[in-house]
All heavy atoms as atom14 arrays in JSON, in Angstrom:
{
  "sequence": "PGTETVHVYARQEVSSRVRPERWLVGFGQVSVDPGE",
  "atom14_mask": [
    [1, 1, 1, 1, 1, 1, 1, 0, 0, 0, 0, 0, 0, 0],
    [1, 1, 1, 1, 0, 0, 0, 0, 0, 0, 0, 0, 0, 0],
    [1, 1, 1, 1, 1, 1, 1, 0, 0, 0, 0, 0, 0, 0],
    [1, 1, 1, 1, 1, 1, 1, 1, 1, 0, 0, 0, 0, 0],
    [1, 1, 1, 1, 1, 1, 1, 0, 0, 0, 0, 0, 0, 0],
    [1, 1, 1, 1, 1, 1, 1, 0, 0, 0, 0, 0, 0, 0],
    [1, 1, 1, 1, 1, 1, 1, 1, 1, 1, 0, 0, 0, 0],
    [1, 1, 1, 1, 1, 1, 1, 0, 0, 0, 0, 0, 0, 0],
    [1, 1, 1, 1, 1, 1, 1, 1, 1, 1, 1, 1, 0, 0],
    [1, 1, 1, 1, 1, 0, 0, 0, 0, 0, 0, 0, 0, 0],
    [1, 1, 1, 1, 1, 1, 1, 1, 1, 1, 1, 0, 0, 0],
    [1, 1, 1, 1, 1, 1, 1, 1, 1, 0, 0, 0, 0, 0],
    [1, 1, 1, 1, 1, 1, 1, 1, 1, 0, 0, 0, 0, 0],
    [1, 1, 1, 1, 1, 1, 1, 0, 0, 0, 0, 0, 0, 0],
    [1, 1, 1, 1, 1, 1, 0, 0, 0, 0, 0, 0, 0, 0],
    [1, 1, 1, 1, 1, 1, 0, 0, 0, 0, 0, 0, 0, 0],
    [1, 1, 1, 1, 1, 1, 1, 1, 1, 1, 1, 0, 0, 0],
    [1, 1, 1, 1, 1, 1, 1, 0, 0, 0, 0, 0, 0, 0],
    [1, 1, 1, 1, 1, 1, 1, 1, 1, 1, 1, 0, 0, 0],
    [1, 1, 1, 1, 1, 1, 1, 0, 0, 0, 0, 0, 0, 0],
    [1, 1, 1, 1, 1, 1, 1, 1, 1, 0, 0, 0, 0, 0],
    [1, 1, 1, 1, 1, 1, 1, 1, 1, 1, 1, 0, 0, 0],
    [1, 1, 1, 1, 1, 1, 1, 1, 1, 1, 1, 1, 1, 1],
    [1, 1, 1, 1, 1, 1, 1, 1, 0, 0, 0, 0, 0, 0],
    [1, 1, 1, 1, 1, 1, 1, 0, 0, 0, 0, 0, 0, 0],
    [1, 1, 1, 1, 0, 0, 0, 0, 0, 0, 0, 0, 0, 0],
    [1, 1, 1, 1, 1, 1, 1, 1, 1, 1, 1, 0, 0, 0],
    [1, 1, 1, 1, 0, 0, 0, 0, 0, 0, 0, 0, 0, 0],
    [1, 1, 1, 1, 1, 1, 1, 1, 1, 0, 0, 0, 0, 0],
    [1, 1, 1, 1, 1, 1, 1, 0, 0, 0, 0, 0, 0, 0],
    [1, 1, 1, 1, 1, 1, 0, 0, 0, 0, 0, 0, 0, 0],
    [1, 1, 1, 1, 1, 1, 1, 0, 0, 0, 0, 0, 0, 0],
    [1, 1, 1, 1, 1, 1, 1, 1, 0, 0, 0, 0, 0, 0],
    [1, 1, 1, 1, 1, 1, 1, 0, 0, 0, 0, 0, 0, 0],
    [1, 1, 1, 1, 0, 0, 0, 0, 0, 0, 0, 0, 0, 0],
    [1, 1, 1, 1, 1, 1, 1, 1, 1, 0, 0, 0, 0, 0]
  ],
  "atom14_positions": [
    [[103.31, 86.73, 119.95], [103.37, 87.02, 118.55], [102.78, 85.87, 117.71], [102.59, 84.81, 118.21], [104.92, 86.99, 118.28], [105.52, 86.19, 119.38], [104.59, 86.39, 120.63], [0.0, 0.0, 0.0], [0.0, 0.0, 0.0], [0.0, 0.0, 0.0], [0.0, 0.0, 0.0], [0.0, 0.0, 0.0], [0.0, 0.0, 0.0], [0.0, 0.0, 0.0]],
    [[102.25, 86.32, 116.57], [101.54, 85.34, 115.73], [101.53, 85.79, 114.28], [101.86, 86.97, 113.92], [0.0, 0.0, 0.0], [0.0, 0.0, 0.0], [0.0, 0.0, 0.0], [0.0, 0.0, 0.0], [0.0, 0.0, 0.0], [0.0, 0.0, 0.0], [0.0, 0.0, 0.0], [0.0, 0.0, 0.0], [0.0, 0.0, 0.0], [0.0, 0.0, 0.0]],
    [[101.18, 84.85, 113.44], [101.05, 85.07, 112.0], [99.69, 84.8, 111.49], [99.08, 83.77, 111.8], [102.06, 84.14, 111.12], [103.45, 84.39, 111.6], [101.93, 84.36, 109.67], [0.0, 0.0, 0.0], [0.0, 0.0, 0.0], [0.0, 0.0, 0.0], [0.0, 0.0, 0.0], [0.0, 0.0, 0.0], [0.0, 0.0, 0.0], [0.0, 0.0, 0.0]],
    [[99.11, 85.77, 110.77], [97.69, 85.62, 110.36], [97.66, 85.57, 108.78], [98.44, 86.25, 108.21], [96.96, 86.96, 110.82], [95.51, 86.91, 110.31], [94.53, 85.9, 110.81], [95.02, 84.83, 111.18], [93.4, 86.23, 110.84], [0.0, 0.0, 0.0], [0.0, 0.0, 0.0], [0.0, 0.0, 0.0], [0.0, 0.0, 0.0], [0.0, 0.0, 0.0]],
    [[96.88, 84.65, 108.33], [96.66, 84.57, 106.88], [95.37, 85.33, 106.54], [94.34, 84.99, 107.16], [96.48, 83.03, 106.5], [97.8, 82.37, 106.76], [96.28, 82.94, 104.95], [0.0, 0.0, 0.0], [0.0, 0.0, 0.0], [0.0, 0.0, 0.0], [0.0, 0.0, 0.0], [0.0, 0.0, 0.0], [0.0, 0.0, 0.0], [0.0, 0.0, 0.0]],
    [[95.53, 86.25, 105.81], [94.38, 87.11, 105.36], [93.81, 86.57, 104.02], [94.48, 86.45, 103.06], [94.93, 88.69, 105.17], [93.69, 89.52, 104.74], [95.47, 89.1, 106.45], [0.0, 0.0, 0.0], [0.0, 0.0, 0.0], [0.0, 0.0, 0.0], [0.0, 0.0, 0.0], [0.0, 0.0, 0.0], [0.0, 0.0, 0.0], [0.0, 0.0, 0.0]],
    [[92.53, 86.27, 104.06], [91.85, 85.67, 102.95], [91.03, 86.81, 102.3], [90.19, 87.39, 103.11], [90.99, 84.49, 103.25], [91.76, 83.38, 103.98], [91.76, 83.2, 105.3], [92.59, 82.42, 103.47], [92.53, 82.14, 105.65], [93.01, 81.65, 104.38], [0.0, 0.0, 0.0], [0.0, 0.0, 0.0], [0.0, 0.0, 0.0], [0.0, 0.0, 0.0]],
    [[91.0, 86.86, 101.02], [90.12, 87.84, 100.28], [89.22, 87.01, 99.4], [89.61, 86.3, 98.58], [90.92, 88.85, 99.49], [90.03, 89.88, 98.86], [92.03, 89.61, 100.33], [0.0, 0.0, 0.0], [0.0, 0.0, 0.0], [0.0, 0.0, 0.0], [0.0, 0.0, 0.0], [0.0, 0.0, 0.0], [0.0, 0.0, 0.0], [0.0, 0.0, 0.0]],
    [[87.95, 87.26, 99.71], [86.81, 86.59, 98.93], [86.06, 87.65, 98.09], [86.11, 88.87, 98.43], [85.84, 85.81, 99.87], [86.5, 84.79, 100.59], [86.95, 85.06, 101.94], [86.64, 83.46, 100.16], [87.48, 84.05, 102.71], [87.13, 82.52, 100.95], [87.59, 82.79, 102.21], [88.15, 81.75, 102.97], [0.0, 0.0, 0.0], [0.0, 0.0, 0.0]],
    [[85.5, 87.15, 97.09], [84.7, 88.13, 96.23], [83.33, 87.56, 95.89], [83.08, 86.42, 95.87], [85.5, 88.38, 94.97], [0.0, 0.0, 0.0], [0.0, 0.0, 0.0], [0.0, 0.0, 0.0], [0.0, 0.0, 0.0], [0.0, 0.0, 0.0], [0.0, 0.0, 0.0], [0.0, 0.0, 0.0], [0.0, 0.0, 0.0], [0.0, 0.0, 0.0]],
    [[82.45, 88.52, 95.51], [81.19, 88.17, 94.89], [80.81, 89.14, 93.83], [81.05, 90.3, 93.95], [80.08, 88.19, 95.99], [78.69, 87.77, 95.49], [77.69, 87.6, 96.63], [77.33, 88.94, 97.16], [77.18, 89.24, 98.43], [77.44, 88.33, 99.37], [76.82, 90.51, 98.76], [0.0, 0.0, 0.0], [0.0, 0.0, 0.0], [0.0, 0.0, 0.0]],
    [[80.28, 88.62, 92.73], [79.8, 89.43, 91.66], [78.28, 89.75, 91.95], [77.53, 88.75, 92.07], [80.0, 88.75, 90.24], [79.67, 89.58, 89.07], [79.88, 88.9, 87.79], [80.5, 87.83, 87.82], [79.62, 89.61, 86.69], [0.0, 0.0, 0.0], [0.0, 0.0, 0.0], [0.0, 0.0, 0.0], [0.0, 0.0, 0.0], [0.0, 0.0, 0.0]],
    [[77.86, 90.94, 91.92], [76.56, 91.23, 92.33], [75.48, 90.84, 91.27], [74.48, 90.3, 91.57], [76.38, 92.78, 92.64], [77.16, 93.2, 93.79], [76.72, 92.48, 95.09], [75.73, 93.02, 95.71], [77.33, 91.56, 95.54], [0.0, 0.0, 0.0], [0.0, 0.0, 0.0], [0.0, 0.0, 0.0], [0.0, 0.0, 0.0], [0.0, 0.0, 0.0]],
    [[75.84, 91.11, 89.97], [74.94, 90.66, 88.91], [75.77, 90.1, 87.84], [76.75, 90.74, 87.43], [74.07, 91.88, 88.41], [73.22, 91.4, 87.22], [73.23, 92.47, 89.48], [0.0, 0.0, 0.0], [0.0, 0.0, 0.0], [0.0, 0.0, 0.0], [0.0, 0.0, 0.0], [0.0, 0.0, 0.0], [0.0, 0.0, 0.0], [0.0, 0.0, 0.0]],
    [[75.44, 88.94, 87.35], [76.35, 88.2, 86.34], [75.44, 87.54, 85.27], [74.28, 87.31, 85.48], [77.2, 87.25, 86.99], [76.4, 86.29, 87.76], [0.0, 0.0, 0.0], [0.0, 0.0, 0.0], [0.0, 0.0, 0.0], [0.0, 0.0, 0.0], [0.0, 0.0, 0.0], [0.0, 0.0, 0.0], [0.0, 0.0, 0.0], [0.0, 0.0, 0.0]],
    [[76.03, 87.32, 84.12], [75.33, 86.62, 83.08], [75.25, 85.12, 83.25], [74.43, 84.48, 82.6], [76.01, 86.9, 81.72], [77.37, 86.32, 81.69], [0.0, 0.0, 0.0], [0.0, 0.0, 0.0], [0.0, 0.0, 0.0], [0.0, 0.0, 0.0], [0.0, 0.0, 0.0], [0.0, 0.0, 0.0], [0.0, 0.0, 0.0], [0.0, 0.0, 0.0]],
    [[76.01, 84.59, 84.09], [75.86, 83.21, 84.47], [75.93, 83.07, 86.05], [76.35, 83.97, 86.7], [77.14, 82.36, 84.05], [77.17, 82.22, 82.44], [76.18, 81.12, 81.98], [76.18, 80.99, 80.62], [76.46, 79.86, 79.93], [76.8, 78.82, 80.6], [76.49, 79.83, 78.58], [0.0, 0.0, 0.0], [0.0, 0.0, 0.0], [0.0, 0.0, 0.0]],
    [[75.27, 81.95, 86.56], [75.32, 81.77, 87.96], [76.69, 81.62, 88.49], [77.46, 80.84, 88.04], [74.46, 80.59, 88.34], [74.56, 80.33, 89.87], [73.06, 80.71, 87.89], [0.0, 0.0, 0.0], [0.0, 0.0, 0.0], [0.0, 0.0, 0.0], [0.0, 0.0, 0.0], [0.0, 0.0, 0.0], [0.0, 0.0, 0.0], [0.0, 0.0, 0.0]],
    [[77.02, 82.52, 89.48], [78.43, 82.53, 90.07], [78.31, 81.99, 91.47], [77.3, 81.96, 92.12], [79.01, 83.94, 90.05], [79.04, 84.67, 88.73], [80.01, 84.03, 87.67], [81.32, 83.71, 88.22], [82.35, 84.64, 88.39], [82.13, 85.87, 88.11], [83.47, 84.17, 88.86], [0.0, 0.0, 0.0], [0.0, 0.0, 0.0], [0.0, 0.0, 0.0]],
    [[79.46, 81.77, 92.03], [79.53, 81.35, 93.48], [79.05, 82.53, 94.34], [79.21, 83.63, 94.07], [80.9, 81.03, 93.72], [81.5, 80.7, 92.34], [80.91, 81.5, 91.47], [0.0, 0.0, 0.0], [0.0, 0.0, 0.0], [0.0, 0.0, 0.0], [0.0, 0.0, 0.0], [0.0, 0.0, 0.0], [0.0, 0.0, 0.0], [0.0, 0.0, 0.0]],
    [[78.47, 82.15, 95.51], [78.06, 83.17, 96.52], [79.36, 83.95, 96.98], [79.25, 85.17, 97.21], [77.53, 82.52, 97.71], [76.04, 81.9, 97.52], [74.99, 82.99, 97.43], [75.34, 84.17, 97.66], [73.87, 82.69, 97.35], [0.0, 0.0, 0.0], [0.0, 0.0, 0.0], [0.0, 0.0, 0.0], [0.0, 0.0, 0.0], [0.0, 0.0, 0.0]],
    [[80.47, 83.31, 97.0], [81.78, 83.94, 97.16], [82.88, 83.0, 96.74], [82.59, 81.72, 96.78], [81.92, 84.38, 98.65], [82.0, 83.22, 99.65], [82.48, 83.69, 100.98], [82.66, 82.57, 101.84], [83.53, 82.48, 102.95], [84.22, 83.58, 103.27], [83.68, 81.47, 103.67], [0.0, 0.0, 0.0], [0.0, 0.0, 0.0], [0.0, 0.0, 0.0]],
    [[84.01, 83.5, 96.41], [85.13, 82.61, 96.09], [86.44, 83.32, 96.43], [86.47, 84.59, 96.51], [85.07, 82.2, 94.58], [85.41, 83.39, 93.64], [86.59, 83.56, 93.02], [84.44, 84.31, 93.08], [86.55, 84.67, 92.14], [85.21, 85.11, 92.17], [83.16, 84.55, 93.29], [84.64, 86.1, 91.51], [82.52, 85.65, 92.55], [83.28, 86.35, 91.72]],
    [[87.41, 82.55, 96.73], [88.7, 83.11, 97.07], [89.42, 83.72, 95.91], [89.53, 83.09, 94.83], [89.67, 81.94, 97.63], [91.03, 82.36, 98.14], [90.86, 83.05, 99.48], [91.93, 81.16, 98.31], [0.0, 0.0, 0.0], [0.0, 0.0, 0.0], [0.0, 0.0, 0.0], [0.0, 0.0, 0.0], [0.0, 0.0, 0.0], [0.0, 0.0, 0.0]],
    [[89.83, 84.97, 96.05], [90.48, 85.73, 94.96], [91.94, 86.09, 95.32], [92.71, 86.64, 94.48], [89.7, 86.96, 94.51], [88.35, 86.57, 93.91], [89.39, 87.91, 95.71], [0.0, 0.0, 0.0], [0.0, 0.0, 0.0], [0.0, 0.0, 0.0], [0.0, 0.0, 0.0], [0.0, 0.0, 0.0], [0.0, 0.0, 0.0], [0.0, 0.0, 0.0]],
    [[92.27, 86.03, 96.63], [93.61, 86.41, 96.97], [93.87, 86.08, 98.38], [92.95, 85.87, 99.25], [0.0, 0.0, 0.0], [0.0, 0.0, 0.0], [0.0, 0.0, 0.0], [0.0, 0.0, 0.0], [0.0, 0.0, 0.0], [0.0, 0.0, 0.0], [0.0, 0.0, 0.0], [0.0, 0.0, 0.0], [0.0, 0.0, 0.0], [0.0, 0.0, 0.0]],
    [[95.21, 86.04, 98.8], [95.5, 85.92, 100.22], [96.98, 86.39, 100.43], [97.72, 86.52, 99.48], [95.41, 84.28, 100.62], [96.27, 83.39, 99.8], [97.58, 83.09, 100.24], [95.79, 82.79, 98.66], [98.37, 82.21, 99.52], [96.62, 81.98, 97.91], [97.86, 81.63, 98.34], [0.0, 0.0, 0.0], [0.0, 0.0, 0.0], [0.0, 0.0, 0.0]],
    [[97.24, 86.58, 101.71], [98.59, 86.96, 102.05], [98.76, 86.7, 103.53], [97.82, 86.38, 104.28], [0.0, 0.0, 0.0], [0.0, 0.0, 0.0], [0.0, 0.0, 0.0], [0.0, 0.0, 0.0], [0.0, 0.0, 0.0], [0.0, 0.0, 0.0], [0.0, 0.0, 0.0], [0.0, 0.0, 0.0], [0.0, 0.0, 0.0], [0.0, 0.0, 0.0]],
    [[99.98, 86.82, 104.0], [100.33, 86.53, 105.48], [101.08, 87.7, 106.04], [101.89, 88.42, 105.4], [101.13, 85.27, 105.57], [100.46, 83.99, 105.3], [101.15, 82.77, 105.54], [102.46, 82.78, 105.28], [100.57, 81.67, 105.97], [0.0, 0.0, 0.0], [0.0, 0.0, 0.0], [0.0, 0.0, 0.0], [0.0, 0.0, 0.0], [0.0, 0.0, 0.0]],
    [[100.84, 88.0, 107.38], [101.39, 88.96, 108.05], [101.66, 88.46, 109.51], [100.91, 87.97, 110.11], [100.6, 90.3, 108.05], [99.2, 90.1, 108.7], [101.27, 91.46, 108.72], [0.0, 0.0, 0.0], [0.0, 0.0, 0.0], [0.0, 0.0, 0.0], [0.0, 0.0, 0.0], [0.0, 0.0, 0.0], [0.0, 0.0, 0.0], [0.0, 0.0, 0.0]],
    [[102.96, 88.81, 109.97], [103.37, 88.5, 111.29], [103.29, 89.75, 112.14], [103.77, 90.77, 111.79], [104.74, 87.92, 111.37], [104.82, 86.68, 110.62], [0.0, 0.0, 0.0], [0.0, 0.0, 0.0], [0.0, 0.0, 0.0], [0.0, 0.0, 0.0], [0.0, 0.0, 0.0], [0.0, 0.0, 0.0], [0.0, 0.0, 0.0], [0.0, 0.0, 0.0]],
    [[102.66, 89.66, 113.37], [102.39, 90.83, 114.16], [102.73, 90.55, 115.64], [102.35, 89.43, 116.22], [100.92, 91.25, 114.14], [100.72, 92.64, 114.75], [100.33, 91.22, 112.7], [0.0, 0.0, 0.0], [0.0, 0.0, 0.0], [0.0, 0.0, 0.0], [0.0, 0.0, 0.0], [0.0, 0.0, 0.0], [0.0, 0.0, 0.0], [0.0, 0.0, 0.0]],
    [[103.44, 91.4, 116.25], [103.78, 91.26, 117.68], [102.58, 91.66, 118.54], [101.68, 92.41, 118.11], [104.96, 92.14, 118.05], [106.27, 91.54, 117.4], [106.35, 90.37, 117.31], [107.16, 92.45, 117.12], [0.0, 0.0, 0.0], [0.0, 0.0, 0.0], [0.0, 0.0, 0.0], [0.0, 0.0, 0.0], [0.0, 0.0, 0.0], [0.0, 0.0, 0.0]],
    [[102.59, 91.22, 119.83], [101.43, 91.57, 120.71], [101.27, 93.04, 120.86], [102.28, 93.78, 121.0], [101.83, 90.93, 122.05], [102.87, 89.86, 121.67], [103.57, 90.35, 120.43], [0.0, 0.0, 0.0], [0.0, 0.0, 0.0], [0.0, 0.0, 0.0], [0.0, 0.0, 0.0], [0.0, 0.0, 0.0], [0.0, 0.0, 0.0], [0.0, 0.0, 0.0]],
    [[99.99, 93.49, 120.78], [99.71, 94.94, 120.93], [100.1, 95.77, 119.73], [99.91, 96.99, 119.67], [0.0, 0.0, 0.0], [0.0, 0.0, 0.0], [0.0, 0.0, 0.0], [0.0, 0.0, 0.0], [0.0, 0.0, 0.0], [0.0, 0.0, 0.0], [0.0, 0.0, 0.0], [0.0, 0.0, 0.0], [0.0, 0.0, 0.0], [0.0, 0.0, 0.0]],
    [[100.6, 95.22, 118.71], [100.96, 95.89, 117.51], [100.01, 95.64, 116.37], [99.11, 94.72, 116.41], [102.4, 95.5, 117.04], [103.44, 95.68, 118.11], [103.75, 97.13, 118.27], [103.58, 97.94, 117.37], [104.0, 97.45, 119.48], [0.0, 0.0, 0.0], [0.0, 0.0, 0.0], [0.0, 0.0, 0.0], [0.0, 0.0, 0.0], [0.0, 0.0, 0.0]]
  ]
}
């Protein structure tokens, strides 16, 4: 069994200012049993 942290990154395709190539916008954790 294990716990995974899910990271969600984002990128804006066209912007009026230079933006990061990607940046963290959200995260969450989920515990999952083997084979599940």
